[in-house]
Amino acid sequence: MVVRLNPDLEKLVQEKATLTGKTVDEVVDATLRQALAPSKPSTPLAATRDQEEWVRRLRSAASSAGVSLTNEQLSRENLYED
């Protein structure tokens, strides 16, 4: 299957692939799978009894933001103007 992307979207996909160390195909595949996956009823995080499941779900929620900042980026010097 061939899918044509507008230049802005193509640039975003390429940037995400570079940032995550994945191929463009892997990024597109994962994004489409996530977007098109059937929704399942969600158990509130607070109701999760298994600690491993709780940690997995918490990390999953945090990683969906798509951005990971380094310690240097979070340093005081980079957060505040003097």
Protein backbone atom coordinates (compact mmCIF):
# COMPACT_ATOMS: atom_id res chain seq x y z
CA MET A 1 0.00 0.00 0.00
CA VAL A 2 1.28 3.46 -0.83
CA VAL A 3 0.14 6.40 1.28
CA ARG A 4 0.94 9.96 0.29
CA LEU A 5 1.50 12.38 3.17
CA ASN A 6 1.48 16.14 3.00
CA PRO A 7 4.97 17.61 3.53
CA ASP A 8 4.26 18.80 7.09
CA LEU A 9 3.06 15.38 8.22
CA GLU A 10 5.93 13.64 6.45
CA LYS A 11 8.40 15.88 8.29
CA LEU A 12 6.76 15.04 11.65
CA VAL A 13 6.95 11.32 10.95
CA GLN A 14 10.61 11.56 9.95
CA GLU A 15 11.44 13.60 13.07
CA LYS A 16 9.70 11.09 15.34
CA ALA A 17 11.54 8.22 13.65
CA THR A 18 14.86 9.98 14.20
CA LEU A 19 14.07 10.79 17.83
CA THR A 20 12.95 7.28 18.67
CA GLY A 21 15.58 5.42 16.63
CA LYS A 22 12.91 3.67 14.59
CA THR A 23 12.31 3.50 10.87
CA VAL A 24 9.62 5.64 9.26
CA ASP A 25 7.65 2.44 8.53
CA GLU A 26 7.78 1.42 12.21
CA VAL A 27 6.56 4.85 13.34
CA VAL A 28 3.69 4.87 10.83
CA ASP A 29 2.73 1.28 11.70
CA ALA A 30 2.71 1.93 15.47
CA THR A 31 0.81 5.20 15.08
CA LEU A 32 -1.86 3.66 12.87
CA ARG A 33 -2.23 0.64 15.14
CA GLN A 34 -2.72 2.90 18.15
CA ALA A 35 -5.15 5.20 16.32
CA LEU A 36 -7.21 2.40 14.78
CA ALA A 37 -7.18 -0.12 17.63
CA PRO A 38 -10.61 -0.88 19.01
CA SER A 39 -11.16 0.95 22.24
CA LYS A 40 -11.44 -1.21 25.31
CA PRO A 41 -13.13 -0.30 28.56
CA SER A 42 -10.59 1.18 30.89
CA THR A 43 -10.19 0.39 34.55
CA PRO A 44 -9.26 3.50 36.53
CA LEU A 45 -5.59 3.47 37.47
CA ALA A 46 -6.48 3.81 41.14
CA ALA A 47 -8.53 0.59 40.92
CA THR A 48 -5.60 -1.44 39.56
CA ARG A 49 -4.59 -3.94 42.22
CA ASP A 50 -1.53 -5.49 40.59
CA GLN A 51 1.55 -3.28 41.11
CA GLU A 52 3.21 -4.38 37.84
CA GLU A 53 0.05 -3.56 35.89
CA TRP A 54 -0.19 -0.19 37.66
CA VAL A 55 3.42 0.68 36.74
CA ARG A 56 2.93 -0.50 33.14
CA ARG A 57 -0.21 1.62 32.73
CA LEU A 58 1.40 4.65 34.34
CA ARG A 59 4.43 4.42 32.05
CA SER A 60 2.18 3.89 29.06
CA ALA A 61 0.25 7.05 29.87
CA ALA A 62 3.44 9.02 30.35
CA SER A 63 5.07 7.80 27.15
CA SER A 64 2.13 8.71 24.94
CA ALA A 65 3.14 12.37 25.14
CA GLY A 66 5.81 11.58 22.56
CA VAL A 67 8.49 13.75 24.12
CA SER A 68 11.21 12.85 26.56
CA LEU A 69 13.30 15.62 28.05
CA THR A 70 16.87 15.13 29.17
CA ASN A 71 18.06 16.16 32.62
CA GLU A 72 19.97 19.00 30.97
CA GLN A 73 16.79 20.30 29.34
CA LEU A 74 15.10 20.28 32.75
CA SER A 75 17.93 22.09 34.50
CA ARG A 76 17.26 25.41 36.19
CA GLU A 77 19.39 27.24 33.64
CA ASN A 78 17.21 26.00 30.79
CA LEU A 79 13.88 26.48 32.58
CA TYR A 80 14.29 30.02 33.89
CA GLU A 81 15.58 33.23 32.45
CA ASP A 82 17.83 35.12 34.83
